[in-house]
Protein backbone atom coordinates (compact mmCIF):
# COMPACT_ATOMS: atom_id res chain seq x y z
CA MET A 1 -0.01 -0.03 0.00
CA PRO A 2 1.51 3.38 -0.86
CA ILE A 3 2.26 5.89 1.73
CA GLN A 4 -0.91 7.79 2.55
CA MET A 5 -0.92 11.48 3.43
CA ARG A 6 -3.66 13.85 4.67
CA SER A 7 -3.08 17.55 5.13
CA PHE A 8 -4.86 20.14 7.25
CA ALA A 9 -4.46 23.92 7.53
CA LYS A 10 -6.04 26.62 9.56
CA ASN A 11 -9.07 28.18 8.11
CA SER A 12 -8.09 31.78 8.34
CA LEU A 13 -4.47 32.62 7.31
CA THR A 14 -2.71 35.84 6.63
CA PRO A 15 -1.00 36.24 3.20
CA GLN A 16 2.35 35.61 4.84
CA GLU A 17 1.06 32.50 6.62
CA ARG A 18 -0.51 31.22 3.33
CA VAL A 19 2.96 31.46 1.66
CA GLU A 20 4.50 29.60 4.61
CA VAL A 21 1.70 26.90 4.52
CA ASP A 22 2.28 26.47 0.88
CA ARG A 23 6.04 26.19 1.37
CA VAL A 24 5.56 23.55 4.06
CA GLY A 25 3.01 21.73 1.82
CA THR A 26 5.70 21.37 -0.82
CA LEU A 27 8.09 20.01 1.81
CA ALA A 28 5.32 17.59 3.02
CA GLU A 29 4.74 16.27 -0.51
CA HIS A 30 8.52 15.76 -1.01
CA LEU A 31 8.57 13.69 2.21
CA ARG A 32 5.65 11.63 0.99
CA GLN A 33 7.38 10.88 -2.24
CA GLU A 34 10.65 9.93 -0.52
CA LEU A 35 8.84 7.65 1.95
CA GLU A 36 7.08 5.96 -0.98
CA GLU A 37 10.57 5.17 -2.43
CA ARG A 38 11.33 3.44 0.86
CA GLU A 39 8.02 1.71 1.22
CA ILE A 40 9.37 -1.83 1.01
CA ALA A 41 12.06 -1.12 3.74
CA ILE A 42 9.34 0.49 5.85
CA ASN A 43 6.99 -2.49 5.45
CA GLN A 44 9.85 -4.89 6.36
CA ALA A 45 10.64 -2.88 9.48
CA HIS A 46 7.02 -2.51 10.61
CA VAL A 47 6.43 -5.97 12.17
CA VAL A 48 4.89 -7.17 15.45
CA GLY A 49 7.09 -6.06 18.35
CA ALA A 50 9.30 -3.74 16.43
CA GLN A 51 10.30 -0.45 18.01
CA SER A 52 9.38 2.94 16.49
CA SER A 53 13.16 3.53 16.24
CA ALA A 54 13.28 1.03 13.35
CA ILE A 55 10.83 3.16 11.37
CA GLN A 56 12.45 6.39 12.59
CA ALA A 57 15.80 5.36 11.24
CA ILE A 58 14.32 5.02 7.75
CA VAL A 59 12.47 8.31 8.04
CA SER A 60 15.66 9.92 9.32
CA GLU A 61 17.31 9.11 5.92
CA VAL A 62 14.82 11.59 4.36
CA LEU A 63 14.28 14.15 7.04
CA LYS A 64 17.73 14.56 8.35
CA ASP A 65 20.01 13.49 5.53
CA GLU A 66 18.09 14.85 2.61
CA LEU A 67 15.79 17.67 3.87
CA GLY A 68 17.97 19.10 6.57
CA PHE A 69 15.81 18.45 9.60
CA GLY A 70 17.63 18.46 12.98
CA GLU A 71 17.10 15.32 15.07
CA GLU A 72 16.09 15.27 18.78
CA VAL A 73 16.29 19.08 19.13
CA VAL A 74 15.02 20.51 22.39
CA LEU A 75 12.44 23.23 21.64
CA THR A 76 12.64 26.72 23.07
CA PRO A 77 11.05 26.62 26.60
CA GLN A 78 7.70 28.34 26.88
CA ASP A 79 6.92 31.05 29.53
CA GLY A 80 5.18 29.48 32.50
CA LEU A 81 5.46 25.86 31.25
CA VAL A 82 8.01 23.37 32.50
CA THR A 83 8.74 21.32 29.42
CA ARG A 84 11.80 19.98 27.67
CA ALA A 85 9.92 19.13 24.50
CA ARG A 86 12.20 17.17 22.21
CA PRO A 87 10.49 16.13 18.97
CA ASP A 88 12.05 13.48 16.75
CA PHE A 89 12.84 16.01 14.09
CA VAL A 90 12.65 19.84 13.64
CA PHE A 91 13.09 22.00 10.51
CA PRO A 92 13.68 25.71 10.87
CA LEU A 93 11.81 27.82 8.30
CA SER A 94 12.98 31.16 9.63
CA SER A 95 13.72 32.78 13.00
CA GLY A 96 11.14 31.46 15.42
CA ARG A 97 9.28 29.48 12.73
CA GLY A 98 9.54 25.76 12.03
CA VAL A 99 8.20 22.29 11.36
CA MET A 100 8.17 19.41 13.90
CA ALA A 101 8.09 15.78 12.75
CA GLU A 102 7.19 12.82 14.92
CA VAL A 103 7.39 9.15 14.10
CA GLU A 104 4.89 6.92 15.99
CA ARG A 105 4.18 3.32 16.07
CA GLY A 106 2.48 1.18 18.81
CA GLY A 107 1.35 3.95 21.15
CA THR A 108 0.03 6.24 18.45
CA VAL A 109 -3.66 6.26 19.59
CA ASN A 110 -3.75 3.84 22.53
CA ASN A 111 -1.33 6.05 24.46
CA ASN A 112 -2.48 9.30 22.76
CA HIS A 113 0.93 10.00 21.24
CA ASP A 114 -0.74 11.76 18.34
CA LEU A 115 -2.56 14.20 20.63
CA LYS A 116 0.63 14.74 22.71
CA ASP A 117 2.47 15.59 19.45
CA MET A 118 -0.28 18.02 18.52
CA TRP A 119 -0.09 19.57 21.99
CA LYS A 120 3.70 19.79 21.73
CA ALA A 121 3.42 21.64 18.38
CA HIS A 122 0.67 23.95 19.86
CA ILE A 123 2.76 25.13 22.80
CA ALA A 124 6.10 25.39 21.03
CA GLY A 125 6.87 29.05 20.16
CA ASP A 126 9.22 28.05 17.37
CA VAL A 127 6.97 25.42 15.69
CA GLN A 128 3.89 26.16 13.57
CA HIS A 129 3.66 22.99 11.52
CA LEU A 130 3.48 19.32 12.35
CA PHE A 131 4.42 16.22 10.30
CA LEU A 132 3.02 13.12 11.99
CA ILE A 133 4.14 9.64 10.59
CA VAL A 134 1.93 6.82 11.91
CA PRO A 135 1.09 3.21 11.01
CA ASN A 136 -1.87 2.29 8.81
CA SER A 137 -2.32 -0.84 11.00
CA ASN A 138 -0.89 -2.51 14.10
CA TRP A 139 -1.43 -6.17 14.93
CA LYS A 140 -1.40 -8.49 17.99
CA ARG A 141 1.11 -11.22 18.24
CA ASP A 142 -1.56 -13.80 17.22
CA GLY A 143 -2.03 -11.96 13.90
CA GLY A 144 -5.35 -10.35 14.87
CA ALA A 145 -5.99 -6.71 14.15
CA ARG A 146 -5.18 -4.40 17.10
CA GLU A 147 -5.92 -1.00 15.73
CA LYS A 148 -5.76 1.12 12.61
CA PRO A 149 -4.02 4.30 13.73
CA PHE A 150 -3.96 6.29 10.45
CA PRO A 151 -7.73 6.80 10.08
CA ARG A 152 -8.15 7.53 13.84
CA VAL A 153 -5.27 10.05 13.74
CA ILE A 154 -6.87 11.77 10.75
CA SER A 155 -10.07 12.18 12.66
CA ARG A 156 -8.41 13.34 15.88
CA VAL A 157 -5.95 15.77 14.30
CA GLY A 158 -8.51 16.91 11.78
CA ALA A 159 -10.70 17.98 14.70
CA PHE A 160 -8.36 20.83 15.36
CA PHE A 161 -8.82 22.34 11.89
CA GLY A 162 -11.81 23.68 9.91
CA ASN A 163 -13.59 25.44 12.78
CA GLU A 164 -12.08 28.56 14.40
CA ARG A 165 -13.42 27.61 17.83
CA ARG A 166 -11.42 24.31 17.82
CA GLU A 167 -8.27 25.60 16.13
CA VAL A 168 -5.02 25.66 18.00
CA ASP A 169 -1.73 27.43 17.38
CA VAL A 170 -0.58 25.09 14.61
CA LEU A 171 -0.93 26.45 10.96
CA SER A 172 -0.77 23.06 9.27
CA ALA A 173 -0.55 19.35 10.02
CA HIS A 174 0.41 16.59 7.61
CA VAL A 175 -0.34 13.00 8.66
CA TYR A 176 1.36 10.11 6.85
CA GLY A 177 0.23 6.46 7.04
CA TYR A 178 2.89 3.77 6.53
CA GLY A 179 2.87 0.05 6.49
CA LEU A 180 0.67 -2.74 5.18
CA LEU A 181 -3.03 -3.05 6.21
CA ASP A 182 -3.04 -6.75 7.20
CA ILE A 183 -0.62 -9.07 8.88
CA GLU A 184 -0.77 -11.67 5.98
CA ALA A 185 0.93 -9.20 3.67
CA ALA A 186 3.48 -8.41 6.36
CA VAL A 187 4.25 -12.14 6.93
CA GLN A 188 4.93 -12.56 3.16
CA LEU A 189 7.60 -9.80 3.44
CA HIS A 190 8.87 -10.92 6.79
CA PRO A 191 8.14 -14.57 7.75
CA ASP A 192 8.86 -14.02 11.48
CA ALA A 193 6.21 -11.24 11.66
CA GLY A 194 3.40 -13.64 12.57
CA SER A 195 5.18 -15.74 15.12
C-alpha cells in the first residue's frame, strides 16, 4: 500500500502565513514521495514487536540526511510551562518558525501520542507545522488486528482544523500512514512477523 498522506491547515491565514503553509506543503509532499521510495524497507521494519526507532531510522534518511531536519532538538522553553519538549525532528523555516516531525508506532492512539504531538506543536513558540508519521495498522502477536491508527489520527488531528473555535496554534498538520493493512501481507515480506 503506498504511503498515505492527509493535510490540514487553519481556516483563516494571513497572506504571509499562506505562503508559509504552501512552502511547508511542498516539503510535506516531498517527504511523502521519498517515503514511498522506501516503502518496502518501511514495510519490512513494521512488524509485530518492532520499536518505533526502526521506522524512525528510515524516516531519518529523508528528514535529516536529505531535507535538513535536526534530530532530537530541544524546543525553546515556553513562559510558565516546565517542558523539555524534544521532537524526533525539527526543521527551521526562519527565525522562530519551524516544522516538527514525529514518528509513531504502537502507542499512536492507545497512548495518545498523536494528541501529545499536537499539543507539543501547539505550545512550541518556534513550531507552527506538524508532520506526523503513523502506522496504517498494528497487529497483535496472534495476527489479529489491534488497531488502525492512520484513520483515527486523521479524525483526531483533523478535529483541530476547519472550525475557528477548535483551532489551536498550529498552522498546518500533515499526517502520513505507513505500513501494510493486514498481517498476512507483512508475513509474506517478513516470515517472522506472525510468530
